[in-house]
Amino acid sequence: MNVIIVNTSLQDVRANFEFLNKLGVDRWCFHDRDIAPDGKPLKETNSNLDEVVALAKELQGDMIRPLWGTAQLFMHPRYMHGTTTSSELGVYAYAAAQVKKAMEVTHYLGGENYVFWGGREGYQTLLNTDMERELDHMNTKILTRHIYENTIDLENAHGRESDDDDGDDDDGDDDGESSNSSGFEMKLTRDAIASSLMNSL
């Protein structure tokens, strides 16, 4: 573990919450790698994040919580060809583990949403791209994440009652969005995935 870099991240988190408290702001957002540094193995990376998140949990108290958390899947060279669209199985697996961890810490902090941030999907050139296969892989990851989101139940993380208790059906299912009791929403249509993918090529 790079103690100096982790300590810098802890100082940044303290400064963040000092600033939020002075402004009276009760929501914050984060990318996992923006608040905690990469380690060499994934285990060290997760340990770095756990240390920073433990401090954030303490400092946010009862009044502050994340509006959303997300995994930062674009700056590291391993993601040069995307995550789910990468031709390397190891990259796909690493990204999936990173998203899983980011969802868990968002849950731990009582976050309202988890953002599935594609960032950099698609190969660098259409010359080595199988678009249909990439879309299928990307859709698999989105659906897997959607299933996992239900298993950790982010709504219960901060004990709020559902806003849908009035019986109105406003979950947006008829417009291609998927939502669950946690209030998380995700576009699952193939067109939406294709548009995101093409924009990042």
N, C-alpha and C. Protein backbone atom coordinates (compact mmCIF):
# COMPACT_ATOMS: atom_id res chain seq x y z
N MET A 1 0.83 -1.19 0.00
CA MET A 1 0.00 0.00 0.00
C MET A 1 0.87 1.25 0.00
N ASN A 2 0.53 2.22 -0.86
CA ASN A 2 1.23 3.48 -0.87
C ASN A 2 0.60 4.39 0.19
N VAL A 3 1.24 4.42 1.36
CA VAL A 3 0.66 5.12 2.51
C VAL A 3 0.50 6.60 2.24
N ILE A 4 1.45 7.19 1.53
CA ILE A 4 1.39 8.63 1.26
C ILE A 4 0.17 8.98 0.41
N ILE A 5 -0.06 8.18 -0.64
CA ILE A 5 -1.20 8.46 -1.53
C ILE A 5 -2.52 8.24 -0.79
N VAL A 6 -2.60 7.17 0.01
CA VAL A 6 -3.83 6.90 0.77
C VAL A 6 -4.07 8.02 1.78
N ASN A 7 -3.03 8.47 2.45
CA ASN A 7 -3.19 9.58 3.41
C ASN A 7 -3.67 10.85 2.72
N THR A 8 -3.17 11.09 1.51
CA THR A 8 -3.64 12.24 0.74
C THR A 8 -5.13 12.11 0.44
N SER A 9 -5.56 10.89 0.09
CA SER A 9 -6.99 10.65 -0.18
C SER A 9 -7.83 10.89 1.07
N LEU A 10 -7.33 10.49 2.22
CA LEU A 10 -8.04 10.72 3.48
C LEU A 10 -8.16 12.22 3.77
N GLN A 11 -7.09 12.96 3.49
CA GLN A 11 -7.13 14.42 3.68
C GLN A 11 -8.16 15.05 2.74
N ASP A 12 -8.22 14.55 1.52
CA ASP A 12 -9.19 15.07 0.55
C ASP A 12 -10.62 14.84 1.02
N VAL A 13 -10.87 13.67 1.60
CA VAL A 13 -12.22 13.36 2.09
C VAL A 13 -12.58 14.28 3.26
N ARG A 14 -11.64 14.51 4.14
CA ARG A 14 -11.89 15.43 5.26
C ARG A 14 -12.22 16.83 4.74
N ALA A 15 -11.46 17.28 3.76
CA ALA A 15 -11.70 18.61 3.18
C ALA A 15 -13.07 18.66 2.50
N ASN A 16 -13.45 17.59 1.83
CA ASN A 16 -14.75 17.52 1.16
C ASN A 16 -15.89 17.73 2.15
N PHE A 17 -15.85 17.00 3.26
CA PHE A 17 -16.95 17.09 4.21
C PHE A 17 -16.92 18.39 5.01
N GLU A 18 -15.74 18.94 5.23
CA GLU A 18 -15.66 20.26 5.85
C GLU A 18 -16.35 21.30 4.96
N PHE A 19 -16.09 21.19 3.66
CA PHE A 19 -16.69 22.11 2.69
C PHE A 19 -18.21 21.92 2.63
N LEU A 20 -18.66 20.67 2.58
CA LEU A 20 -20.10 20.39 2.54
C LEU A 20 -20.82 20.94 3.76
N ASN A 21 -20.21 20.74 4.91
CA ASN A 21 -20.83 21.23 6.15
C ASN A 21 -20.89 22.74 6.21
N LYS A 22 -19.86 23.40 5.72
CA LYS A 22 -19.86 24.87 5.72
C LYS A 22 -20.94 25.41 4.77
N LEU A 23 -21.18 24.71 3.67
CA LEU A 23 -22.19 25.14 2.71
C LEU A 23 -23.60 24.68 3.06
N GLY A 24 -23.71 23.73 3.98
CA GLY A 24 -25.01 23.17 4.31
C GLY A 24 -25.53 22.22 3.24
N VAL A 25 -24.62 21.58 2.51
CA VAL A 25 -25.00 20.64 1.44
C VAL A 25 -25.09 19.24 2.02
N ASP A 26 -26.18 18.52 1.68
CA ASP A 26 -26.38 17.20 2.28
C ASP A 26 -26.23 16.04 1.31
N ARG A 27 -25.70 16.30 0.12
CA ARG A 27 -25.45 15.22 -0.84
C ARG A 27 -24.05 15.37 -1.43
N TRP A 28 -23.44 14.25 -1.76
CA TRP A 28 -22.17 14.27 -2.46
C TRP A 28 -22.14 13.09 -3.42
N CYS A 29 -21.23 13.11 -4.39
CA CYS A 29 -21.12 12.06 -5.40
C CYS A 29 -19.65 11.66 -5.53
N PHE A 30 -19.42 10.45 -5.99
CA PHE A 30 -18.02 10.02 -6.10
C PHE A 30 -17.82 8.94 -7.15
N HIS A 31 -16.62 8.95 -7.76
CA HIS A 31 -16.07 7.82 -8.48
C HIS A 31 -15.14 7.10 -7.50
N ASP A 32 -15.11 5.78 -7.55
CA ASP A 32 -14.28 5.04 -6.60
C ASP A 32 -12.81 5.43 -6.68
N ARG A 33 -12.26 5.53 -7.90
CA ARG A 33 -10.83 5.84 -8.04
C ARG A 33 -10.53 7.30 -7.77
N ASP A 34 -11.53 8.15 -7.78
CA ASP A 34 -11.28 9.56 -7.48
C ASP A 34 -11.13 9.80 -5.98
N ILE A 35 -11.70 8.91 -5.17
CA ILE A 35 -11.59 9.09 -3.72
C ILE A 35 -10.55 8.16 -3.10
N ALA A 36 -10.15 7.11 -3.83
CA ALA A 36 -9.15 6.19 -3.29
C ALA A 36 -8.28 5.66 -4.44
N PRO A 37 -6.97 5.53 -4.21
CA PRO A 37 -6.06 5.16 -5.30
C PRO A 37 -6.09 3.68 -5.64
N ASP A 38 -5.67 3.39 -6.87
CA ASP A 38 -5.43 2.00 -7.29
C ASP A 38 -4.30 1.41 -6.47
N GLY A 39 -4.42 0.11 -6.17
CA GLY A 39 -3.30 -0.64 -5.65
C GLY A 39 -2.75 -1.52 -6.77
N LYS A 40 -1.75 -2.31 -6.47
CA LYS A 40 -1.23 -3.20 -7.52
C LYS A 40 -2.18 -4.37 -7.75
N PRO A 41 -2.46 -5.20 -6.72
CA PRO A 41 -3.52 -6.19 -6.93
C PRO A 41 -4.88 -5.59 -6.57
N LEU A 42 -5.95 -6.22 -7.02
CA LEU A 42 -7.30 -5.75 -6.72
C LEU A 42 -7.56 -5.71 -5.21
N LYS A 43 -7.01 -6.67 -4.49
CA LYS A 43 -7.21 -6.72 -3.03
C LYS A 43 -6.71 -5.44 -2.37
N GLU A 44 -5.56 -4.94 -2.80
CA GLU A 44 -5.01 -3.70 -2.24
C GLU A 44 -5.87 -2.50 -2.65
N THR A 45 -6.34 -2.51 -3.90
CA THR A 45 -7.22 -1.43 -4.36
C THR A 45 -8.47 -1.36 -3.50
N ASN A 46 -9.08 -2.50 -3.25
CA ASN A 46 -10.29 -2.53 -2.42
C ASN A 46 -10.01 -2.12 -0.99
N SER A 47 -8.85 -2.50 -0.48
CA SER A 47 -8.46 -2.10 0.88
C SER A 47 -8.31 -0.59 0.98
N ASN A 48 -7.70 0.02 -0.04
CA ASN A 48 -7.58 1.48 -0.06
C ASN A 48 -8.96 2.14 -0.02
N LEU A 49 -9.87 1.62 -0.85
CA LEU A 49 -11.21 2.18 -0.91
C LEU A 49 -11.94 2.00 0.42
N ASP A 50 -11.80 0.84 1.03
CA ASP A 50 -12.46 0.59 2.32
C ASP A 50 -12.00 1.59 3.38
N GLU A 51 -10.71 1.89 3.39
CA GLU A 51 -10.19 2.82 4.40
C GLU A 51 -10.77 4.22 4.21
N VAL A 52 -10.83 4.66 2.96
CA VAL A 52 -11.37 5.99 2.68
C VAL A 52 -12.87 6.04 2.94
N VAL A 53 -13.57 5.00 2.55
CA VAL A 53 -15.03 4.96 2.72
C VAL A 53 -15.40 4.91 4.21
N ALA A 54 -14.61 4.22 5.01
CA ALA A 54 -14.87 4.18 6.46
C ALA A 54 -14.82 5.57 7.05
N LEU A 55 -13.84 6.36 6.62
CA LEU A 55 -13.75 7.75 7.09
C LEU A 55 -14.93 8.57 6.57
N ALA A 56 -15.29 8.39 5.31
CA ALA A 56 -16.43 9.12 4.74
C ALA A 56 -17.70 8.81 5.49
N LYS A 57 -17.89 7.55 5.85
CA LYS A 57 -19.08 7.14 6.62
C LYS A 57 -19.14 7.87 7.95
N GLU A 58 -18.01 7.98 8.59
CA GLU A 58 -17.93 8.68 9.88
C GLU A 58 -18.22 10.17 9.71
N LEU A 59 -17.64 10.78 8.70
CA LEU A 59 -17.75 12.22 8.53
C LEU A 59 -19.11 12.66 7.99
N GLN A 60 -19.77 11.82 7.22
CA GLN A 60 -21.05 12.25 6.66
C GLN A 60 -22.17 12.23 7.71
N GLY A 61 -21.99 11.49 8.80
CA GLY A 61 -22.97 11.50 9.89
C GLY A 61 -24.35 11.05 9.44
N ASP A 62 -25.37 11.64 10.08
CA ASP A 62 -26.75 11.25 9.79
C ASP A 62 -27.40 12.12 8.72
N MET A 63 -26.81 13.26 8.42
CA MET A 63 -27.47 14.23 7.55
C MET A 63 -26.99 14.18 6.10
N ILE A 64 -25.81 13.68 5.87
CA ILE A 64 -25.23 13.69 4.53
C ILE A 64 -25.14 12.26 4.00
N ARG A 65 -25.42 12.09 2.72
CA ARG A 65 -25.22 10.79 2.08
C ARG A 65 -24.99 11.01 0.58
N PRO A 66 -24.47 10.01 -0.11
CA PRO A 66 -24.22 10.17 -1.55
C PRO A 66 -25.52 10.24 -2.35
N LEU A 67 -25.55 11.16 -3.30
CA LEU A 67 -26.62 11.14 -4.30
C LEU A 67 -26.38 9.95 -5.22
N TRP A 68 -25.11 9.73 -5.56
CA TRP A 68 -24.74 8.53 -6.32
C TRP A 68 -23.26 8.22 -6.14
N GLY A 69 -22.94 6.95 -6.36
CA GLY A 69 -21.57 6.50 -6.47
C GLY A 69 -21.40 5.78 -7.79
N THR A 70 -20.16 5.64 -8.24
CA THR A 70 -19.92 4.93 -9.49
C THR A 70 -18.48 4.42 -9.54
N ALA A 71 -18.23 3.52 -10.47
CA ALA A 71 -16.88 3.01 -10.70
C ALA A 71 -16.23 3.78 -11.84
N GLN A 72 -15.00 4.19 -11.62
CA GLN A 72 -14.26 4.94 -12.64
C GLN A 72 -13.53 3.94 -13.53
N LEU A 73 -14.08 3.75 -14.73
CA LEU A 73 -13.63 2.67 -15.62
C LEU A 73 -13.04 3.20 -16.92
N PHE A 74 -12.25 4.28 -16.84
CA PHE A 74 -11.75 4.82 -18.10
C PHE A 74 -10.33 5.36 -18.05
N MET A 75 -9.80 5.73 -16.90
CA MET A 75 -8.48 6.36 -16.88
C MET A 75 -7.33 5.36 -16.92
N HIS A 76 -7.51 4.20 -16.30
CA HIS A 76 -6.41 3.23 -16.25
C HIS A 76 -6.18 2.64 -17.64
N PRO A 77 -4.91 2.44 -18.02
CA PRO A 77 -4.61 1.88 -19.35
C PRO A 77 -5.29 0.54 -19.64
N ARG A 78 -5.62 -0.22 -18.58
CA ARG A 78 -6.26 -1.52 -18.83
C ARG A 78 -7.59 -1.36 -19.56
N TYR A 79 -8.19 -0.16 -19.45
CA TYR A 79 -9.50 0.06 -20.05
C TYR A 79 -9.42 0.78 -21.40
N MET A 80 -8.28 0.68 -22.06
CA MET A 80 -8.11 1.41 -23.32
C MET A 80 -9.09 0.92 -24.40
N HIS A 81 -9.57 -0.32 -24.28
CA HIS A 81 -10.55 -0.83 -25.22
C HIS A 81 -11.90 -1.05 -24.54
N GLY A 82 -12.13 -0.31 -23.47
CA GLY A 82 -13.39 -0.44 -22.75
C GLY A 82 -13.32 -1.47 -21.64
N THR A 83 -14.45 -1.78 -21.09
CA THR A 83 -14.54 -2.76 -20.00
C THR A 83 -15.27 -4.00 -20.50
N THR A 84 -16.58 -3.89 -20.65
CA THR A 84 -17.33 -5.02 -21.19
C THR A 84 -17.03 -5.25 -22.65
N THR A 85 -16.56 -4.23 -23.34
CA THR A 85 -16.25 -4.37 -24.77
C THR A 85 -14.80 -4.74 -25.03
N SER A 86 -14.01 -4.89 -23.98
CA SER A 86 -12.61 -5.26 -24.17
C SER A 86 -12.50 -6.67 -24.73
N SER A 87 -11.47 -6.89 -25.52
CA SER A 87 -11.23 -8.23 -26.05
C SER A 87 -10.53 -9.13 -25.03
N GLU A 88 -10.13 -8.56 -23.89
CA GLU A 88 -9.43 -9.32 -22.86
C GLU A 88 -10.40 -9.73 -21.75
N LEU A 89 -10.54 -11.02 -21.52
CA LEU A 89 -11.43 -11.51 -20.48
C LEU A 89 -11.02 -11.00 -19.10
N GLY A 90 -9.70 -10.90 -18.86
CA GLY A 90 -9.23 -10.42 -17.57
C GLY A 90 -9.68 -8.99 -17.29
N VAL A 91 -9.74 -8.16 -18.32
CA VAL A 91 -10.20 -6.78 -18.16
C VAL A 91 -11.69 -6.76 -17.82
N TYR A 92 -12.45 -7.57 -18.53
CA TYR A 92 -13.90 -7.67 -18.26
C TYR A 92 -14.13 -8.08 -16.80
N ALA A 93 -13.38 -9.11 -16.35
CA ALA A 93 -13.55 -9.62 -14.99
C ALA A 93 -13.14 -8.57 -13.96
N TYR A 94 -12.03 -7.86 -14.22
CA TYR A 94 -11.55 -6.84 -13.29
C TYR A 94 -12.59 -5.72 -13.17
N ALA A 95 -13.13 -5.29 -14.31
CA ALA A 95 -14.13 -4.23 -14.31
C ALA A 95 -15.38 -4.66 -13.56
N ALA A 96 -15.80 -5.91 -13.75
CA ALA A 96 -16.98 -6.41 -13.04
C ALA A 96 -16.74 -6.40 -11.54
N ALA A 97 -15.54 -6.80 -11.12
CA ALA A 97 -15.21 -6.79 -9.69
C ALA A 97 -15.18 -5.36 -9.15
N GLN A 98 -14.69 -4.43 -9.96
CA GLN A 98 -14.63 -3.03 -9.54
C GLN A 98 -16.03 -2.44 -9.39
N VAL A 99 -16.92 -2.75 -10.34
CA VAL A 99 -18.30 -2.27 -10.25
C VAL A 99 -18.98 -2.87 -9.02
N LYS A 100 -18.78 -4.16 -8.78
CA LYS A 100 -19.38 -4.81 -7.61
C LYS A 100 -18.96 -4.10 -6.33
N LYS A 101 -17.66 -3.81 -6.21
CA LYS A 101 -17.16 -3.15 -5.01
C LYS A 101 -17.73 -1.73 -4.88
N ALA A 102 -17.80 -1.01 -6.00
CA ALA A 102 -18.34 0.35 -5.96
C ALA A 102 -19.81 0.35 -5.54
N MET A 103 -20.57 -0.64 -5.99
CA MET A 103 -21.97 -0.76 -5.58
C MET A 103 -22.06 -1.04 -4.08
N GLU A 104 -21.16 -1.89 -3.59
CA GLU A 104 -21.18 -2.24 -2.16
C GLU A 104 -20.88 -1.03 -1.28
N VAL A 105 -19.89 -0.22 -1.66
CA VAL A 105 -19.56 0.93 -0.82
C VAL A 105 -20.63 2.02 -0.93
N THR A 106 -21.26 2.14 -2.11
CA THR A 106 -22.38 3.07 -2.24
C THR A 106 -23.51 2.65 -1.30
N HIS A 107 -23.77 1.36 -1.26
CA HIS A 107 -24.76 0.79 -0.35
C HIS A 107 -24.39 1.09 1.10
N TYR A 108 -23.15 0.86 1.46
CA TYR A 108 -22.65 1.07 2.82
C TYR A 108 -22.82 2.53 3.25
N LEU A 109 -22.61 3.45 2.32
CA LEU A 109 -22.72 4.88 2.63
C LEU A 109 -24.16 5.40 2.58
N GLY A 110 -25.11 4.53 2.22
CA GLY A 110 -26.50 4.95 2.15
C GLY A 110 -26.84 5.73 0.90
N GLY A 111 -26.15 5.44 -0.19
CA GLY A 111 -26.36 6.19 -1.43
C GLY A 111 -27.75 6.02 -2.00
N GLU A 112 -28.23 7.06 -2.67
CA GLU A 112 -29.55 7.02 -3.29
C GLU A 112 -29.53 6.30 -4.63
N ASN A 113 -28.41 6.38 -5.34
CA ASN A 113 -28.31 5.81 -6.69
C ASN A 113 -26.93 5.24 -6.93
N TYR A 114 -26.87 4.33 -7.87
CA TYR A 114 -25.59 3.91 -8.42
C TYR A 114 -25.63 4.21 -9.91
N VAL A 115 -24.61 4.90 -10.41
CA VAL A 115 -24.56 5.28 -11.82
C VAL A 115 -23.69 4.29 -12.58
N PHE A 116 -24.25 3.68 -13.61
CA PHE A 116 -23.49 2.79 -14.47
C PHE A 116 -22.83 3.64 -15.55
N TRP A 117 -21.60 4.05 -15.27
CA TRP A 117 -20.91 5.03 -16.10
C TRP A 117 -20.01 4.31 -17.09
N GLY A 118 -20.42 4.26 -18.35
CA GLY A 118 -19.63 3.55 -19.36
C GLY A 118 -18.27 4.17 -19.57
N GLY A 119 -18.25 5.47 -19.79
CA GLY A 119 -16.99 6.19 -19.89
C GLY A 119 -16.24 5.90 -21.18
N ARG A 120 -15.63 4.73 -21.25
CA ARG A 120 -14.84 4.39 -22.44
C ARG A 120 -15.18 2.96 -22.85
N GLU A 121 -16.16 2.82 -23.72
CA GLU A 121 -16.52 1.52 -24.24
C GLU A 121 -16.29 1.50 -25.75
N GLY A 122 -15.93 0.34 -26.26
CA GLY A 122 -15.68 0.21 -27.70
C GLY A 122 -14.20 0.24 -28.00
N TYR A 123 -13.79 -0.54 -28.97
CA TYR A 123 -12.39 -0.55 -29.38
C TYR A 123 -11.99 0.80 -29.99
N GLN A 124 -10.69 1.01 -30.13
CA GLN A 124 -10.21 2.29 -30.63
C GLN A 124 -10.52 2.49 -32.11
N THR A 125 -10.74 1.42 -32.81
CA THR A 125 -11.03 1.53 -34.24
C THR A 125 -12.06 0.50 -34.65
N LEU A 126 -12.91 0.87 -35.60
CA LEU A 126 -13.92 -0.05 -36.10
C LEU A 126 -13.30 -1.22 -36.85
N LEU A 127 -12.01 -1.14 -37.18
CA LEU A 127 -11.36 -2.21 -37.93
C LEU A 127 -11.27 -3.50 -37.13
N ASN A 128 -11.25 -3.40 -35.80
CA ASN A 128 -11.19 -4.63 -34.99
C ASN A 128 -12.39 -4.73 -34.05
N THR A 129 -13.54 -4.28 -34.53
CA THR A 129 -14.75 -4.27 -33.70
C THR A 129 -15.81 -5.22 -34.26
N ASP A 130 -16.40 -6.01 -33.37
CA ASP A 130 -17.59 -6.80 -33.69
C ASP A 130 -18.72 -6.17 -32.89
N MET A 131 -19.42 -5.21 -33.51
CA MET A 131 -20.38 -4.38 -32.79
C MET A 131 -21.46 -5.20 -32.10
N GLU A 132 -22.01 -6.19 -32.79
CA GLU A 132 -23.09 -6.99 -32.18
C GLU A 132 -22.59 -7.73 -30.95
N ARG A 133 -21.39 -8.28 -31.05
CA ARG A 133 -20.82 -9.00 -29.91
C ARG A 133 -20.54 -8.06 -28.75
N GLU A 134 -20.03 -6.87 -29.02
CA GLU A 134 -19.78 -5.89 -27.97
C GLU A 134 -21.07 -5.50 -27.24
N LEU A 135 -22.12 -5.27 -28.02
CA LEU A 135 -23.40 -4.90 -27.43
C LEU A 135 -23.95 -6.02 -26.54
N ASP A 136 -23.81 -7.25 -27.00
CA ASP A 136 -24.26 -8.38 -26.19
C ASP A 136 -23.49 -8.47 -24.89
N HIS A 137 -22.17 -8.27 -24.95
CA HIS A 137 -21.35 -8.31 -23.74
C HIS A 137 -21.74 -7.17 -22.79
N MET A 138 -21.92 -5.99 -23.35
CA MET A 138 -22.27 -4.84 -22.53
C MET A 138 -23.64 -5.02 -21.88
N ASN A 139 -24.58 -5.55 -22.63
CA ASN A 139 -25.91 -5.78 -22.10
C ASN A 139 -25.87 -6.81 -20.97
N THR A 140 -25.03 -7.83 -21.13
CA THR A 140 -24.89 -8.85 -20.08
C THR A 140 -24.41 -8.21 -18.78
N LYS A 141 -23.44 -7.30 -18.88
CA LYS A 141 -22.93 -6.65 -17.68
C LYS A 141 -24.00 -5.77 -17.02
N ILE A 142 -24.75 -5.04 -17.83
CA ILE A 142 -25.79 -4.18 -17.28
C ILE A 142 -26.85 -5.01 -16.56
N LEU A 143 -27.27 -6.10 -17.19
CA LEU A 143 -28.30 -6.94 -16.59
C LEU A 143 -27.78 -7.62 -15.32
N THR A 144 -26.50 -8.05 -15.34
CA THR A 144 -25.91 -8.67 -14.16
C THR A 144 -25.86 -7.68 -13.01
N ARG A 145 -25.46 -6.45 -13.32
CA ARG A 145 -25.42 -5.41 -12.30
C ARG A 145 -26.81 -5.11 -11.74
N HIS A 146 -27.82 -5.14 -12.62
CA HIS A 146 -29.19 -4.87 -12.20
C HIS A 146 -29.67 -5.96 -11.23
N ILE A 147 -29.31 -7.21 -11.51
CA ILE A 147 -29.67 -8.31 -10.62
C ILE A 147 -28.96 -8.15 -9.28
N TYR A 148 -27.66 -7.81 -9.32
CA TYR A 148 -26.89 -7.67 -8.07
C TYR A 148 -27.41 -6.52 -7.23
N GLU A 149 -27.83 -5.45 -7.90
CA GLU A 149 -28.37 -4.29 -7.18
C GLU A 149 -29.55 -4.71 -6.31
N ASN A 150 -30.36 -5.63 -6.80
CA ASN A 150 -31.50 -6.10 -6.01
C ASN A 150 -31.05 -6.94 -4.83
N THR A 151 -29.93 -7.64 -4.95
CA THR A 151 -29.48 -8.49 -3.85
C THR A 151 -28.95 -7.67 -2.69
N ILE A 152 -28.37 -6.51 -2.96
CA ILE A 152 -27.84 -5.71 -1.85
C ILE A 152 -28.84 -4.67 -1.36
N ASP A 153 -29.91 -4.41 -2.15
CA ASP A 153 -31.05 -3.61 -1.71
C ASP A 153 -30.63 -2.27 -1.12
N LEU A 154 -30.24 -1.35 -1.97
CA LEU A 154 -29.75 -0.06 -1.50
C LEU A 154 -30.80 0.75 -0.77
N GLU A 155 -32.06 0.53 -1.06
CA GLU A 155 -33.10 1.28 -0.36
C GLU A 155 -33.02 1.05 1.15
N ASN A 156 -32.80 -0.20 1.55
CA ASN A 156 -32.77 -0.52 2.96
C ASN A 156 -31.51 -0.02 3.65
N ALA A 157 -30.51 0.39 2.86
CA ALA A 157 -29.25 0.86 3.45
C ALA A 157 -29.47 2.10 4.30
N HIS A 158 -30.45 2.93 3.95
CA HIS A 158 -30.69 4.12 4.75
C HIS A 158 -32.12 4.17 5.27
N GLY A 159 -32.83 3.03 5.24
CA GLY A 159 -34.08 2.88 5.95
C GLY A 159 -35.21 3.76 5.50
N ARG A 160 -35.20 4.18 4.23
CA ARG A 160 -36.28 5.04 3.77
C ARG A 160 -37.42 4.20 3.24
N GLU A 161 -38.64 4.69 3.40
CA GLU A 161 -39.80 4.03 2.84
C GLU A 161 -39.86 4.32 1.35
N SER A 162 -40.46 3.41 0.60
CA SER A 162 -40.61 3.62 -0.84
C SER A 162 -41.53 4.79 -1.11
N ASP A 163 -41.18 5.58 -2.15
CA ASP A 163 -42.03 6.70 -2.54
C ASP A 163 -43.24 6.24 -3.33
N ASP A 164 -43.32 4.94 -3.62
CA ASP A 164 -44.41 4.43 -4.45
C ASP A 164 -45.52 3.80 -3.64
N ASP A 165 -45.58 4.07 -2.33
CA ASP A 165 -46.58 3.46 -1.48
C ASP A 165 -47.99 3.93 -1.77
N ASP A 166 -48.13 4.99 -2.59
CA ASP A 166 -49.46 5.49 -2.89
C ASP A 166 -50.16 4.65 -3.94
N GLY A 167 -49.47 3.61 -4.45
CA GLY A 167 -50.10 2.70 -5.38
C GLY A 167 -49.97 3.11 -6.83
N ASP A 168 -49.45 4.32 -7.11
CA ASP A 168 -49.30 4.75 -8.49
C ASP A 168 -48.18 3.96 -9.14
N ASP A 169 -48.40 3.56 -10.37
CA ASP A 169 -47.38 2.83 -11.13
C ASP A 169 -46.62 3.82 -11.99
N ASP A 170 -45.50 4.35 -11.44
CA ASP A 170 -44.73 5.33 -12.20
C ASP A 170 -43.28 4.90 -12.31
N ASP A 171 -43.07 3.55 -12.46
CA ASP A 171 -41.70 3.06 -12.50
C ASP A 171 -41.07 3.17 -13.87
N GLY A 172 -41.81 3.64 -14.85
CA GLY A 172 -41.21 3.92 -16.15
C GLY A 172 -40.97 2.69 -16.99
N ASP A 173 -41.58 1.53 -16.63
CA ASP A 173 -41.31 0.31 -17.38
C ASP A 173 -41.70 0.42 -18.84
N ASP A 174 -42.72 1.24 -19.13
CA ASP A 174 -43.19 1.29 -20.50
C ASP A 174 -42.33 2.16 -21.39
N ASP A 175 -41.33 2.84 -20.83
CA ASP A 175 -40.46 3.66 -21.68
C ASP A 175 -39.05 3.10 -21.78
N GLY A 176 -38.90 1.84 -21.40
CA GLY A 176 -37.60 1.20 -21.59
C GLY A 176 -36.68 1.30 -20.40
N GLU A 177 -37.13 1.91 -19.30
CA GLU A 177 -36.30 2.00 -18.12
C GLU A 177 -36.66 0.89 -17.16
N SER A 178 -35.66 0.47 -16.38
CA SER A 178 -35.90 -0.52 -15.36
C SER A 178 -35.60 0.10 -14.02
N SER A 179 -36.52 -0.07 -13.06
CA SER A 179 -36.29 0.47 -11.73
C SER A 179 -36.70 -0.58 -10.70
N ASN A 180 -36.16 -0.45 -9.48
CA ASN A 180 -36.54 -1.37 -8.43
C ASN A 180 -36.85 -0.58 -7.18
N SER A 181 -37.02 -1.29 -6.05
CA SER A 181 -37.43 -0.62 -4.82
C SER A 181 -36.42 0.38 -4.32
N SER A 182 -35.19 0.30 -4.76
CA SER A 182 -34.17 1.24 -4.30
C SER A 182 -34.26 2.57 -5.01
N GLY A 183 -35.05 2.65 -6.06
CA GLY A 183 -35.15 3.89 -6.81
C GLY A 183 -34.09 4.02 -7.88
N PHE A 184 -33.22 3.01 -8.04
CA PHE A 184 -32.22 3.04 -9.09
C PHE A 184 -32.89 2.88 -10.43
N GLU A 185 -32.40 3.57 -11.43
CA GLU A 185 -32.96 3.45 -12.77
C GLU A 185 -31.84 3.26 -13.78
N MET A 186 -32.10 2.45 -14.78
CA MET A 186 -31.09 2.16 -15.78
C MET A 186 -31.75 1.91 -17.12
N LYS A 187 -31.27 2.57 -18.17
CA LYS A 187 -31.72 2.29 -19.52
C LYS A 187 -31.19 0.91 -19.93
N LEU A 188 -32.09 0.03 -20.33
CA LEU A 188 -31.68 -1.31 -20.72
C LEU A 188 -31.95 -1.59 -22.19
N THR A 189 -32.40 -0.60 -22.93
CA THR A 189 -32.71 -0.85 -24.33
C THR A 189 -31.43 -0.97 -25.14
N ARG A 190 -31.47 -1.81 -26.17
CA ARG A 190 -30.31 -2.01 -27.03
C ARG A 190 -29.91 -0.72 -27.73
N ASP A 191 -30.89 0.10 -28.12
CA ASP A 191 -30.59 1.36 -28.79
C ASP A 191 -29.79 2.29 -27.89
N ALA A 192 -30.17 2.32 -26.60
CA ALA A 192 -29.46 3.20 -25.66
C ALA A 192 -28.03 2.74 -25.49
N ILE A 193 -27.82 1.44 -25.41
CA ILE A 193 -26.47 0.91 -25.27
C ILE A 193 -25.66 1.20 -26.53
N ALA A 194 -26.28 1.01 -27.68
CA ALA A 194 -25.59 1.26 -28.94
C ALA A 194 -25.18 2.72 -29.07
N SER A 195 -26.05 3.61 -28.66
CA SER A 195 -25.76 5.04 -28.75
C SER A 195 -24.57 5.39 -27.86
N SER A 196 -24.56 4.87 -26.64
CA SER A 196 -23.46 5.12 -25.71
C SER A 196 -22.16 4.58 -26.26
N LEU A 197 -22.24 3.39 -26.84
CA LEU A 197 -21.04 2.76 -27.38
C LEU A 197 -20.47 3.53 -28.56
N MET A 198 -21.34 3.95 -29.48
CA MET A 198 -20.88 4.67 -30.65
C MET A 198 -20.28 6.02 -30.28
N ASN A 199 -20.84 6.66 -29.26
CA ASN A 199 -20.32 7.97 -28.84
C ASN A 199 -18.93 7.88 -28.27
N SER A 200 -18.53 6.69 -27.82
CA SER A 200 -17.21 6.57 -27.20
C SER A 200 -16.16 5.99 -28.14
N LEU A 201 -16.56 5.65 -29.36
CA LEU A 201 -15.59 5.07 -30.30
C LEU A 201 -14.67 6.15 -30.87
